[in-house]
Every structure is written in C-alpha cells, then in structure tokens.
C-alpha cells in the first residue's frame, strides 16, 4: 500500500462574528470599569442595581468624647474608579468629609479617606485630616475603625487627640493634654441629605 500522506491539521480561524462578539464584550467591560458600573459586582457597598443599602451616603450620630456628646456628620463617597486604581489592593476607595460639633467655636471639619476591609464593605478603615485652623486648642480625629450592618447603621471606634495651634501656625501635641480616654465610640444612622450643611450644633 502506498504511504498515505498525513492529514494536515486545519488551523482554527475564528469567524468575523466571533471576533466582533469578543471585541464587543471587551469594550463593554472597559466601559463598565471606566464608568464605575463594575462596582455592582466588585464593590457592592458602592453601587446597586436593586436599590440595596449602600455604605456611601450621609450618616449622623453623637460622638462620645470625654467632655460629653458631640453631634457628628459623616459623608462617604466612592473614590472615582479612574483615580482609585482598583487593581491596587492597598489603594484607597473611600473619600468624604466629617464635621464634629466643638465647644466654643465652629464645627471642626475633616477630610476623610480610607478603604473597605472586605468585599461587602461591612468592615472599613478611615483616616481623618484637617485644614489649618486659627490659634487655639482643638480635638482632632485620628484613625477610625468602622463596622456597617449592611443596612442603616454604622459603628465607629475613633481615636481622639488634642492639638494646640500656636500663634505662629505651628502645632503642639502634648501627652499631658491628651484625653484620659483617647478611644471614642459612636453609632451613626443613615441620614437624608441634599448636600447642604445640615449639622445642627448646640448653642454655647
């Protein structure tokens, strides 16, 4: 018998429809990431298609400081995906502001940044920083560890410390002036807010 020539394997060549479908899916994924819709799956605490409660939003409660209760307002937002570098495990994903009533002067304002500690956002860490203030003595917020019940309540453990702003603008943090109990706890409830300054502080 004559030797049979080996059959040549046909190379798989995807049809135009397959190529178009793959391109469309890839484009859709890129669009979802760029516009934040990927959060529905990757960060359900930030976006929902079914109206489920979210971690982001406005929260209000009373900070239990050593000198009594201080009304507090916390506003949390998702860092825009284009700047949060979602593929970075250590990147911050939460930003916002906090305002705390303070005796003797206007409410203290803080810039908030942080990230969730799990996929659902029920555990998260925040840091607070503040702008320059006139000379005086102020209570500052440090790190905040938070727990969210997945609905309308969050609980925070906040680190408090006292800063003295000197006339020349420098700041002094003395161990002798720190609160006896630097750890404060508070429970915040979800609040409706239209973006206005809604924090109501007691009059001195």
C-alpha atoms as a PDB file:
ATOM      1  CA  UNK A   1       0.000   0.000   0.000  1.00  0.00           C
ATOM      2  CA  UNK A   2       1.282   3.409  -0.839  1.00  0.00           C
ATOM      3  CA  UNK A   3       2.150   5.563   2.091  1.00  0.00           C
ATOM      4  CA  UNK A   4      -0.678   7.867   2.994  1.00  0.00           C
ATOM      5  CA  UNK A   5       0.184  11.471   3.401  1.00  0.00           C
ATOM      6  CA  UNK A   6      -0.508  12.729   6.927  1.00  0.00           C
ATOM      7  CA  UNK A   7      -3.553  14.874   7.135  1.00  0.00           C
ATOM      8  CA  UNK A   8      -2.850  18.484   7.722  1.00  0.00           C
ATOM      9  CA  UNK A   9      -4.483  19.968  10.752  1.00  0.00           C
ATOM     10  CA  UNK A  10      -6.664  22.853   9.970  1.00  0.00           C
ATOM     11  CA  UNK A  11      -5.886  25.960  11.918  1.00  0.00           C
ATOM     12  CA  UNK A  12      -8.785  27.384  13.823  1.00  0.00           C
ATOM     13  CA  UNK A  13      -9.724  30.717  12.420  1.00  0.00           C
ATOM     14  CA  UNK A  14     -12.497  32.476  14.265  1.00  0.00           C
ATOM     15  CA  UNK A  15     -15.166  33.919  12.074  1.00  0.00           C
ATOM     16  CA  UNK A  16     -15.910  37.586  11.876  1.00  0.00           C
ATOM     17  CA  UNK A  17     -18.928  37.209  14.131  1.00  0.00           C
ATOM     18  CA  UNK A  18     -16.802  35.654  16.891  1.00  0.00           C
ATOM     19  CA  UNK A  19     -14.236  38.432  16.598  1.00  0.00           C
ATOM     20  CA  UNK A  20     -16.959  41.077  16.708  1.00  0.00           C
ATOM     21  CA  UNK A  21     -18.547  39.436  19.773  1.00  0.00           C
ATOM     22  CA  UNK A  22     -15.233  39.245  21.670  1.00  0.00           C
ATOM     23  CA  UNK A  23     -14.469  42.868  20.811  1.00  0.00           C
ATOM     24  CA  UNK A  24     -17.914  43.981  21.952  1.00  0.00           C
ATOM     25  CA  UNK A  25     -17.610  42.129  25.279  1.00  0.00           C
ATOM     26  CA  UNK A  26     -14.131  43.538  25.899  1.00  0.00           C
ATOM     27  CA  UNK A  27     -15.343  47.037  25.079  1.00  0.00           C
ATOM     28  CA  UNK A  28     -18.290  46.607  27.427  1.00  0.00           C
ATOM     29  CA  UNK A  29     -16.011  45.514  30.264  1.00  0.00           C
ATOM     30  CA  UNK A  30     -13.724  48.506  29.736  1.00  0.00           C
ATOM     31  CA  UNK A  31     -16.747  50.811  29.694  1.00  0.00           C
ATOM     32  CA  UNK A  32     -18.089  49.299  32.922  1.00  0.00           C
ATOM     33  CA  UNK A  33     -14.779  49.810  34.697  1.00  0.00           C
ATOM     34  CA  UNK A  34     -14.381  53.365  33.391  1.00  0.00           C
ATOM     35  CA  UNK A  35     -17.884  54.433  34.406  1.00  0.00           C
ATOM     36  CA  UNK A  36     -17.977  52.642  37.735  1.00  0.00           C
ATOM     37  CA  UNK A  37     -20.640  50.075  36.872  1.00  0.00           C
ATOM     38  CA  UNK A  38     -18.176  47.303  37.684  1.00  0.00           C
ATOM     39  CA  UNK A  39     -18.778  48.279  41.327  1.00  0.00           C
ATOM     40  CA  UNK A  40     -22.091  46.432  41.165  1.00  0.00           C
ATOM     41  CA  UNK A  41     -20.066  43.206  41.268  1.00  0.00           C
ATOM     42  CA  UNK A  42     -16.690  44.237  42.663  1.00  0.00           C
ATOM     43  CA  UNK A  43     -17.811  46.779  45.281  1.00  0.00           C
ATOM     44  CA  UNK A  44     -21.481  46.218  46.112  1.00  0.00           C
ATOM     45  CA  UNK A  45     -21.202  48.673  49.024  1.00  0.00           C
ATOM     46  CA  UNK A  46     -20.799  51.498  46.496  1.00  0.00           C
ATOM     47  CA  UNK A  47     -23.397  50.738  43.810  1.00  0.00           C
ATOM     48  CA  UNK A  48     -26.519  48.617  43.493  1.00  0.00           C
ATOM     49  CA  UNK A  49     -28.946  47.898  40.681  1.00  0.00           C
ATOM     50  CA  UNK A  50     -31.654  46.642  43.023  1.00  0.00           C
ATOM     51  CA  UNK A  51     -31.815  49.519  45.490  1.00  0.00           C
ATOM     52  CA  UNK A  52     -29.949  47.727  48.277  1.00  0.00           C
ATOM     53  CA  UNK A  53     -28.496  49.940  51.058  1.00  0.00           C
ATOM     54  CA  UNK A  54     -25.022  51.337  50.407  1.00  0.00           C
ATOM     55  CA  UNK A  55     -22.150  52.310  52.648  1.00  0.00           C
ATOM     56  CA  UNK A  56     -21.681  55.588  50.822  1.00  0.00           C
ATOM     57  CA  UNK A  57     -24.003  58.403  51.823  1.00  0.00           C
ATOM     58  CA  UNK A  58     -24.606  60.679  54.801  1.00  0.00           C
ATOM     59  CA  UNK A  59     -24.512  59.423  58.382  1.00  0.00           C
ATOM     60  CA  UNK A  60     -25.278  61.225  61.649  1.00  0.00           C
ATOM     61  CA  UNK A  61     -24.855  60.483  65.318  1.00  0.00           C
ATOM     62  CA  UNK A  62     -23.207  61.588  68.555  1.00  0.00           C
ATOM     63  CA  UNK A  63     -19.503  61.272  69.269  1.00  0.00           C
ATOM     64  CA  UNK A  64     -18.975  60.250  72.902  1.00  0.00           C
ATOM     65  CA  UNK A  65     -15.949  62.362  73.857  1.00  0.00           C
ATOM     66  CA  UNK A  66     -14.509  62.861  77.331  1.00  0.00           C
ATOM     67  CA  UNK A  67     -16.316  66.211  77.610  1.00  0.00           C
ATOM     68  CA  UNK A  68     -19.705  64.819  76.616  1.00  0.00           C
ATOM     69  CA  UNK A  69     -21.685  64.095  73.472  1.00  0.00           C
ATOM     70  CA  UNK A  70     -20.820  65.896  70.264  1.00  0.00           C
ATOM     71  CA  UNK A  71     -23.110  65.727  67.220  1.00  0.00           C
ATOM     72  CA  UNK A  72     -21.257  64.414  64.186  1.00  0.00           C
ATOM     73  CA  UNK A  73     -21.982  64.146  60.475  1.00  0.00           C
ATOM     74  CA  UNK A  74     -20.056  61.791  58.188  1.00  0.00           C
ATOM     75  CA  UNK A  75     -20.355  61.831  54.405  1.00  0.00           C
ATOM     76  CA  UNK A  76     -18.798  58.969  52.472  1.00  0.00           C
ATOM     77  CA  UNK A  77     -18.314  58.636  48.725  1.00  0.00           C
ATOM     78  CA  UNK A  78     -16.622  56.218  46.366  1.00  0.00           C
ATOM     79  CA  UNK A  79     -13.266  57.347  45.024  1.00  0.00           C
ATOM     80  CA  UNK A  80     -13.745  57.625  41.224  1.00  0.00           C
ATOM     81  CA  UNK A  81     -12.530  54.380  39.607  1.00  0.00           C
ATOM     82  CA  UNK A  82     -10.238  56.252  37.244  1.00  0.00           C
ATOM     83  CA  UNK A  83      -8.214  57.597  40.170  1.00  0.00           C
ATOM     84  CA  UNK A  84      -8.570  54.806  42.722  1.00  0.00           C
ATOM     85  CA  UNK A  85      -6.629  52.249  40.669  1.00  0.00           C
ATOM     86  CA  UNK A  86      -8.941  49.425  41.606  1.00  0.00           C
ATOM     87  CA  UNK A  87      -6.345  46.762  40.770  1.00  0.00           C
ATOM     88  CA  UNK A  88      -4.204  48.052  43.625  1.00  0.00           C
ATOM     89  CA  UNK A  89      -5.019  46.132  46.781  1.00  0.00           C
ATOM     90  CA  UNK A  90      -3.768  48.893  49.056  1.00  0.00           C
ATOM     91  CA  UNK A  91      -5.344  51.856  47.302  1.00  0.00           C
ATOM     92  CA  UNK A  92      -7.959  53.990  48.977  1.00  0.00           C
ATOM     93  CA  UNK A  93     -11.508  53.531  47.722  1.00  0.00           C
ATOM     94  CA  UNK A  94     -13.439  55.804  50.101  1.00  0.00           C
ATOM     95  CA  UNK A  95     -13.336  59.583  50.408  1.00  0.00           C
ATOM     96  CA  UNK A  96     -15.546  62.125  52.111  1.00  0.00           C
ATOM     97  CA  UNK A  97     -15.882  64.661  54.893  1.00  0.00           C
ATOM     98  CA  UNK A  98     -16.715  64.713  58.593  1.00  0.00           C
ATOM     99  CA  UNK A  99     -17.980  67.558  60.766  1.00  0.00           C
ATOM    100  CA  UNK A 100     -17.994  67.416  64.546  1.00  0.00           C
ATOM    101  CA  UNK A 101     -19.550  69.990  66.858  1.00  0.00           C
ATOM    102  CA  UNK A 102     -16.967  71.556  69.144  1.00  0.00           C
ATOM    103  CA  UNK A 103     -17.491  73.646  72.268  1.00  0.00           C
ATOM    104  CA  UNK A 104     -16.539  77.287  71.927  1.00  0.00           C
ATOM    105  CA  UNK A 105     -16.057  77.503  68.163  1.00  0.00           C
ATOM    106  CA  UNK A 106     -17.402  76.455  64.782  1.00  0.00           C
ATOM    107  CA  UNK A 107     -17.688  72.740  63.999  1.00  0.00           C
ATOM    108  CA  UNK A 108     -14.415  71.008  63.236  1.00  0.00           C
ATOM    109  CA  UNK A 109     -14.192  69.824  59.643  1.00  0.00           C
ATOM    110  CA  UNK A 110     -12.163  66.859  58.442  1.00  0.00           C
ATOM    111  CA  UNK A 111     -11.245  65.283  55.130  1.00  0.00           C
ATOM    112  CA  UNK A 112     -11.877  61.549  55.143  1.00  0.00           C
ATOM    113  CA  UNK A 113     -10.054  58.834  53.211  1.00  0.00           C
ATOM    114  CA  UNK A 114      -9.911  55.087  53.602  1.00  0.00           C
ATOM    115  CA  UNK A 115     -10.852  51.700  52.253  1.00  0.00           C
ATOM    116  CA  UNK A 116     -13.026  48.711  52.988  1.00  0.00           C
ATOM    117  CA  UNK A 117     -11.548  45.642  54.637  1.00  0.00           C
ATOM    118  CA  UNK A 118     -13.803  43.146  52.881  1.00  0.00           C
ATOM    119  CA  UNK A 119     -15.795  42.720  49.688  1.00  0.00           C
ATOM    120  CA  UNK A 120     -19.158  43.662  51.178  1.00  0.00           C
ATOM    121  CA  UNK A 121     -17.894  46.804  52.929  1.00  0.00           C
ATOM    122  CA  UNK A 122     -19.164  45.747  56.348  1.00  0.00           C
ATOM    123  CA  UNK A 123     -15.701  46.461  57.796  1.00  0.00           C
ATOM    124  CA  UNK A 124     -13.694  49.518  56.845  1.00  0.00           C
ATOM    125  CA  UNK A 125     -10.888  51.822  57.950  1.00  0.00           C
ATOM    126  CA  UNK A 126     -10.892  55.632  57.695  1.00  0.00           C
ATOM    127  CA  UNK A 127      -8.352  58.361  58.373  1.00  0.00           C
ATOM    128  CA  UNK A 128      -9.189  61.970  59.143  1.00  0.00           C
ATOM    129  CA  UNK A 129      -7.142  65.056  58.311  1.00  0.00           C
ATOM    130  CA  UNK A 130      -7.927  68.730  58.818  1.00  0.00           C
ATOM    131  CA  UNK A 131      -7.082  72.077  57.277  1.00  0.00           C
ATOM    132  CA  UNK A 132      -5.265  74.866  59.046  1.00  0.00           C
ATOM    133  CA  UNK A 133      -7.112  76.394  61.980  1.00  0.00           C
ATOM    134  CA  UNK A 134      -6.638  79.688  63.869  1.00  0.00           C
ATOM    135  CA  UNK A 135      -4.713  79.609  67.163  1.00  0.00           C
ATOM    136  CA  UNK A 136      -6.492  77.620  69.833  1.00  0.00           C
ATOM    137  CA  UNK A 137      -6.993  74.147  71.265  1.00  0.00           C
ATOM    138  CA  UNK A 138      -8.874  71.578  69.223  1.00  0.00           C
ATOM    139  CA  UNK A 139      -9.896  67.968  69.450  1.00  0.00           C
ATOM    140  CA  UNK A 140      -8.824  66.001  66.412  1.00  0.00           C
ATOM    141  CA  UNK A 141      -9.947  62.737  64.926  1.00  0.00           C
ATOM    142  CA  UNK A 142      -7.313  60.170  64.093  1.00  0.00           C
ATOM    143  CA  UNK A 143      -7.942  56.687  62.740  1.00  0.00           C
ATOM    144  CA  UNK A 144     -11.468  55.308  62.646  1.00  0.00           C
ATOM    145  CA  UNK A 145     -12.358  51.631  62.511  1.00  0.00           C
ATOM    146  CA  UNK A 146     -15.872  51.053  61.253  1.00  0.00           C
ATOM    147  CA  UNK A 147     -18.477  48.313  61.089  1.00  0.00           C
ATOM    148  CA  UNK A 148     -21.563  48.554  58.886  1.00  0.00           C
ATOM    149  CA  UNK A 149     -24.588  46.341  59.448  1.00  0.00           C
ATOM    150  CA  UNK A 150     -25.339  46.322  55.730  1.00  0.00           C
ATOM    151  CA  UNK A 151     -28.414  48.469  56.275  1.00  0.00           C
ATOM    152  CA  UNK A 152     -28.762  51.805  58.076  1.00  0.00           C
ATOM    153  CA  UNK A 153     -26.301  51.740  60.987  1.00  0.00           C
ATOM    154  CA  UNK A 154     -22.534  52.023  61.254  1.00  0.00           C
ATOM    155  CA  UNK A 155     -20.416  51.866  64.406  1.00  0.00           C
ATOM    156  CA  UNK A 156     -17.069  53.626  64.700  1.00  0.00           C
ATOM    157  CA  UNK A 157     -14.159  53.406  67.089  1.00  0.00           C
ATOM    158  CA  UNK A 158     -12.365  56.732  66.827  1.00  0.00           C
ATOM    159  CA  UNK A 159      -9.005  57.822  68.146  1.00  0.00           C
ATOM    160  CA  UNK A 160      -9.094  61.320  69.646  1.00  0.00           C
ATOM    161  CA  UNK A 161      -6.186  63.618  70.403  1.00  0.00           C
ATOM    162  CA  UNK A 162      -5.834  67.264  71.370  1.00  0.00           C
ATOM    163  CA  UNK A 163      -3.831  69.689  69.234  1.00  0.00           C
ATOM    164  CA  UNK A 164      -2.755  73.176  70.245  1.00  0.00           C
ATOM    165  CA  UNK A 165      -2.382  75.581  67.309  1.00  0.00           C
ATOM    166  CA  UNK A 166       0.169  78.215  68.248  1.00  0.00           C
ATOM    167  CA  UNK A 167       0.069  81.876  67.115  1.00  0.00           C
ATOM    168  CA  UNK A 168       2.842  81.217  64.587  1.00  0.00           C
ATOM    169  CA  UNK A 169       0.788  78.446  62.973  1.00  0.00           C
ATOM    170  CA  UNK A 170       2.775  75.560  64.381  1.00  0.00           C
ATOM    171  CA  UNK A 171       1.002  72.767  66.229  1.00  0.00           C
ATOM    172  CA  UNK A 172       1.804  71.084  69.508  1.00  0.00           C
ATOM    173  CA  UNK A 173       0.635  67.661  70.612  1.00  0.00           C
ATOM    174  CA  UNK A 174       1.407  67.119  74.269  1.00  0.00           C
ATOM    175  CA  UNK A 175       0.900  63.843  76.085  1.00  0.00           C
ATOM    176  CA  UNK A 176      -0.059  65.867  79.163  1.00  0.00           C
ATOM    177  CA  UNK A 177      -3.121  67.342  77.474  1.00  0.00           C
ATOM    178  CA  UNK A 178      -4.494  64.234  75.805  1.00  0.00           C
ATOM    179  CA  UNK A 179      -7.930  62.889  76.757  1.00  0.00           C
ATOM    180  CA  UNK A 180      -7.993  60.395  79.609  1.00  0.00           C
ATOM    181  CA  UNK A 181      -9.823  58.035  77.277  1.00  0.00           C
ATOM    182  CA  UNK A 182      -8.475  58.556  73.724  1.00  0.00           C
ATOM    183  CA  UNK A 183     -10.823  55.935  72.296  1.00  0.00           C
ATOM    184  CA  UNK A 184     -14.327  57.115  71.484  1.00  0.00           C
ATOM    185  CA  UNK A 185     -17.198  55.038  70.129  1.00  0.00           C
ATOM    186  CA  UNK A 186     -20.224  56.189  68.253  1.00  0.00           C
ATOM    187  CA  UNK A 187     -23.191  54.852  66.378  1.00  0.00           C
ATOM    188  CA  UNK A 188     -24.273  56.664  63.240  1.00  0.00           C
ATOM    189  CA  UNK A 189     -27.568  56.324  61.446  1.00  0.00           C
ATOM    190  CA  UNK A 190     -28.225  56.923  57.786  1.00  0.00           C
ATOM    191  CA  UNK A 191     -29.482  60.448  57.106  1.00  0.00           C
ATOM    192  CA  UNK A 192     -31.114  62.021  54.092  1.00  0.00           C
ATOM    193  CA  UNK A 193     -29.086  64.935  52.806  1.00  0.00           C
ATOM    194  CA  UNK A 194     -29.345  67.231  49.798  1.00  0.00           C
ATOM    195  CA  UNK A 195     -25.739  68.346  50.134  1.00  0.00           C
ATOM    196  CA  UNK A 196     -26.437  71.345  52.355  1.00  0.00           C
ATOM    197  CA  UNK A 197     -24.768  71.993  55.698  1.00  0.00           C
ATOM    198  CA  UNK A 198     -27.228  70.044  57.824  1.00  0.00           C
ATOM    199  CA  UNK A 199     -25.274  69.530  61.045  1.00  0.00           C
ATOM    200  CA  UNK A 200     -27.067  71.154  63.981  1.00  0.00           C
ATOM    201  CA  UNK A 201     -24.737  72.037  66.866  1.00  0.00           C
ATOM    202  CA  UNK A 202     -25.976  73.030  70.332  1.00  0.00           C
ATOM    203  CA  UNK A 203     -25.605  76.710  71.094  1.00  0.00           C
ATOM    204  CA  UNK A 204     -22.994  77.538  73.772  1.00  0.00           C
END
